[in-house]
Structures are given as structure tokens and as C-alpha cells.
Amino acid sequence: MMQNPSSVPDANDGAGPLREAKGTPRSGRILLIAAVTLAAVGLISLVAVLVSAWMGMQSWPGFMAAAYFCLPLAFLLMLVSVVSSVISRGRS
């Protein structure tokens, strides 16, 4: 027996990860993904610097630069995301 096309679930019907959460604009989601990515890169770089120092080796300067810049940028992006979320909730 064939199903009615209207009863077949859509690929973006809320059951999967493709659906965006209500109230979360696409730009806010991209901002959070960028912040989490920068935080992960910064933390991995910091761990690399700490492990190399613990082993008595010289670490690559790029790891130090990534730890210096990625972690504060990630923090600022997360702060901007929280502030924009508070402002958008205040408007609604």
C-alpha cells in the first residue's frame, strides 16, 4: 500500500539535526560554531604548549600564537552571542 505524500515525513521536519531551534537565527548559530571552533583550536594549542614544556622541548611558536589569540576571540564571540540572545529575547 502506498503512503500519501503528505504523510511522509519531510527531511527537515524537526526529527533531525537539519532543523534550527526556534528563536535561534542562522547568524547566531554560525557565531556559536565559530566560537566553539576557536575555543577548541586554542585549547588544543595550549595543551600542545604545556606538554612540550613538560617534556623540556621547544614548542612551535604557532601553537603559542593560537593559544594567545583563539581563546580570547572565542570568549568574545560567546559573549556577543549571549548579549544578542538577551537583546532578541527582550524584543519578543
C-alpha atoms as a PDB file:
ATOM      1  CA  MET A   1       0.000   0.000   0.000  1.00  0.00           C
ATOM      2  CA  MET A   2       1.362   3.381  -0.968  1.00  0.00           C
ATOM      3  CA  GLN A   3       1.566   6.216   1.542  1.00  0.00           C
ATOM      4  CA  ASN A   4       0.122   9.612   0.919  1.00  0.00           C
ATOM      5  CA  PRO A   5       2.974  12.054   0.136  1.00  0.00           C
ATOM      6  CA  SER A   6       1.684  14.430   2.794  1.00  0.00           C
ATOM      7  CA  SER A   7       2.057  11.749   5.475  1.00  0.00           C
ATOM      8  CA  VAL A   8       5.682  11.031   4.568  1.00  0.00           C
ATOM      9  CA  PRO A   9       7.950  12.932   6.953  1.00  0.00           C
ATOM     10  CA  ASP A  10       9.978  15.698   5.412  1.00  0.00           C
ATOM     11  CA  ALA A  11      13.761  15.594   5.706  1.00  0.00           C
ATOM     12  CA  ASN A  12      13.610  18.810   7.725  1.00  0.00           C
ATOM     13  CA  ASP A  13      10.551  18.168   9.867  1.00  0.00           C
ATOM     14  CA  GLY A  14      12.245  18.607  13.234  1.00  0.00           C
ATOM     15  CA  ALA A  15      13.243  14.992  13.696  1.00  0.00           C
ATOM     16  CA  GLY A  16      16.831  15.531  12.595  1.00  0.00           C
ATOM     17  CA  PRO A  17      19.710  17.940  13.088  1.00  0.00           C
ATOM     18  CA  LEU A  18      18.808  19.990   9.996  1.00  0.00           C
ATOM     19  CA  ARG A  19      16.077  21.905  11.763  1.00  0.00           C
ATOM     20  CA  GLU A  20      17.100  25.070  13.546  1.00  0.00           C
ATOM     21  CA  ALA A  21      15.830  25.701  17.043  1.00  0.00           C
ATOM     22  CA  LYS A  22      13.001  28.181  17.340  1.00  0.00           C
ATOM     23  CA  GLY A  23      14.235  31.661  18.107  1.00  0.00           C
ATOM     24  CA  THR A  24      17.830  30.898  17.075  1.00  0.00           C
ATOM     25  CA  PRO A  25      18.701  32.828  13.925  1.00  0.00           C
ATOM     26  CA  ARG A  26      21.156  31.320  11.491  1.00  0.00           C
ATOM     27  CA  SER A  27      23.732  34.044  12.197  1.00  0.00           C
ATOM     28  CA  GLY A  28      23.642  33.257  15.918  1.00  0.00           C
ATOM     29  CA  ARG A  29      24.257  29.592  15.244  1.00  0.00           C
ATOM     30  CA  ILE A  30      27.182  30.385  12.936  1.00  0.00           C
ATOM     31  CA  LEU A  31      28.587  32.705  15.611  1.00  0.00           C
ATOM     32  CA  LEU A  32      28.435  29.927  18.206  1.00  0.00           C
ATOM     33  CA  ILE A  33      30.025  27.387  15.874  1.00  0.00           C
ATOM     34  CA  ALA A  34      32.875  29.806  15.181  1.00  0.00           C
ATOM     35  CA  ALA A  35      33.322  30.446  18.910  1.00  0.00           C
ATOM     36  CA  VAL A  36      33.413  26.753  19.780  1.00  0.00           C
ATOM     37  CA  THR A  37      35.842  26.053  16.935  1.00  0.00           C
ATOM     38  CA  LEU A  38      38.177  28.836  18.056  1.00  0.00           C
ATOM     39  CA  ALA A  39      37.983  27.621  21.650  1.00  0.00           C
ATOM     40  CA  ALA A  40      38.836  24.074  20.597  1.00  0.00           C
ATOM     41  CA  VAL A  41      41.802  25.221  18.489  1.00  0.00           C
ATOM     42  CA  GLY A  42      43.032  27.414  21.346  1.00  0.00           C
ATOM     43  CA  LEU A  43      42.725  24.657  23.920  1.00  0.00           C
ATOM     44  CA  ILE A  44      44.470  22.100  21.721  1.00  0.00           C
ATOM     45  CA  SER A  45      47.275  24.605  21.118  1.00  0.00           C
ATOM     46  CA  LEU A  46      47.552  25.336  24.832  1.00  0.00           C
ATOM     47  CA  VAL A  47      47.777  21.616  25.610  1.00  0.00           C
ATOM     48  CA  ALA A  48      50.488  21.237  22.956  1.00  0.00           C
ATOM     49  CA  VAL A  49      52.489  24.082  24.500  1.00  0.00           C
ATOM     50  CA  LEU A  50      52.101  22.692  28.022  1.00  0.00           C
ATOM     51  CA  VAL A  51      53.043  19.142  27.010  1.00  0.00           C
ATOM     52  CA  SER A  52      56.102  20.314  25.110  1.00  0.00           C
ATOM     53  CA  ALA A  53      57.197  22.445  28.088  1.00  0.00           C
ATOM     54  CA  TRP A  54      56.658  19.490  30.420  1.00  0.00           C
ATOM     55  CA  MET A  55      58.823  17.331  28.178  1.00  0.00           C
ATOM     56  CA  GLY A  56      61.535  20.012  28.100  1.00  0.00           C
ATOM     57  CA  MET A  57      61.163  20.683  24.388  1.00  0.00           C
ATOM     58  CA  GLN A  58      60.706  23.910  22.471  1.00  0.00           C
ATOM     59  CA  SER A  59      57.144  24.285  21.165  1.00  0.00           C
ATOM     60  CA  TRP A  60      56.270  25.655  17.748  1.00  0.00           C
ATOM     61  CA  PRO A  61      55.506  29.419  18.020  1.00  0.00           C
ATOM     62  CA  GLY A  62      52.267  28.926  16.071  1.00  0.00           C
ATOM     63  CA  PHE A  63      50.833  26.963  18.981  1.00  0.00           C
ATOM     64  CA  MET A  64      51.587  29.823  21.340  1.00  0.00           C
ATOM     65  CA  ALA A  65      50.059  32.371  18.957  1.00  0.00           C
ATOM     66  CA  ALA A  66      46.935  30.244  18.538  1.00  0.00           C
ATOM     67  CA  ALA A  67      46.563  29.936  22.309  1.00  0.00           C
ATOM     68  CA  TYR A  68      47.039  33.701  22.747  1.00  0.00           C
ATOM     69  CA  PHE A  69      44.525  34.749  20.106  1.00  0.00           C
ATOM     70  CA  CYS A  70      41.950  31.960  19.716  1.00  0.00           C
ATOM     71  CA  LEU A  71      40.867  31.690  23.346  1.00  0.00           C
ATOM     72  CA  PRO A  72      40.132  35.416  23.878  1.00  0.00           C
ATOM     73  CA  LEU A  73      38.392  35.641  20.493  1.00  0.00           C
ATOM     74  CA  ALA A  74      36.242  32.628  21.366  1.00  0.00           C
ATOM     75  CA  PHE A  75      35.329  34.228  24.682  1.00  0.00           C
ATOM     76  CA  LEU A  76      34.363  37.481  22.956  1.00  0.00           C
ATOM     77  CA  LEU A  77      32.269  35.661  20.346  1.00  0.00           C
ATOM     78  CA  MET A  78      30.428  33.745  23.071  1.00  0.00           C
ATOM     79  CA  LEU A  79      29.845  36.994  24.944  1.00  0.00           C
ATOM     80  CA  VAL A  80      28.465  38.627  21.786  1.00  0.00           C
ATOM     81  CA  SER A  81      26.204  35.610  21.295  1.00  0.00           C
ATOM     82  CA  VAL A  82      24.825  35.868  24.834  1.00  0.00           C
ATOM     83  CA  VAL A  83      24.252  39.619  24.543  1.00  0.00           C
ATOM     84  CA  SER A  84      22.496  39.280  21.178  1.00  0.00           C
ATOM     85  CA  SER A  85      20.323  36.498  22.592  1.00  0.00           C
ATOM     86  CA  VAL A  86      19.329  38.658  25.568  1.00  0.00           C
ATOM     87  CA  ILE A  87      18.512  41.571  23.269  1.00  0.00           C
ATOM     88  CA  SER A  88      16.437  39.417  20.915  1.00  0.00           C
ATOM     89  CA  ARG A  89      14.505  37.889  23.829  1.00  0.00           C
ATOM     90  CA  GLY A  90      13.821  41.343  25.189  1.00  0.00           C
ATOM     91  CA  ARG A  91      12.249  42.398  21.912  1.00  0.00           C
ATOM     92  CA  SER A  92       9.857  39.466  21.756  1.00  0.00           C
END
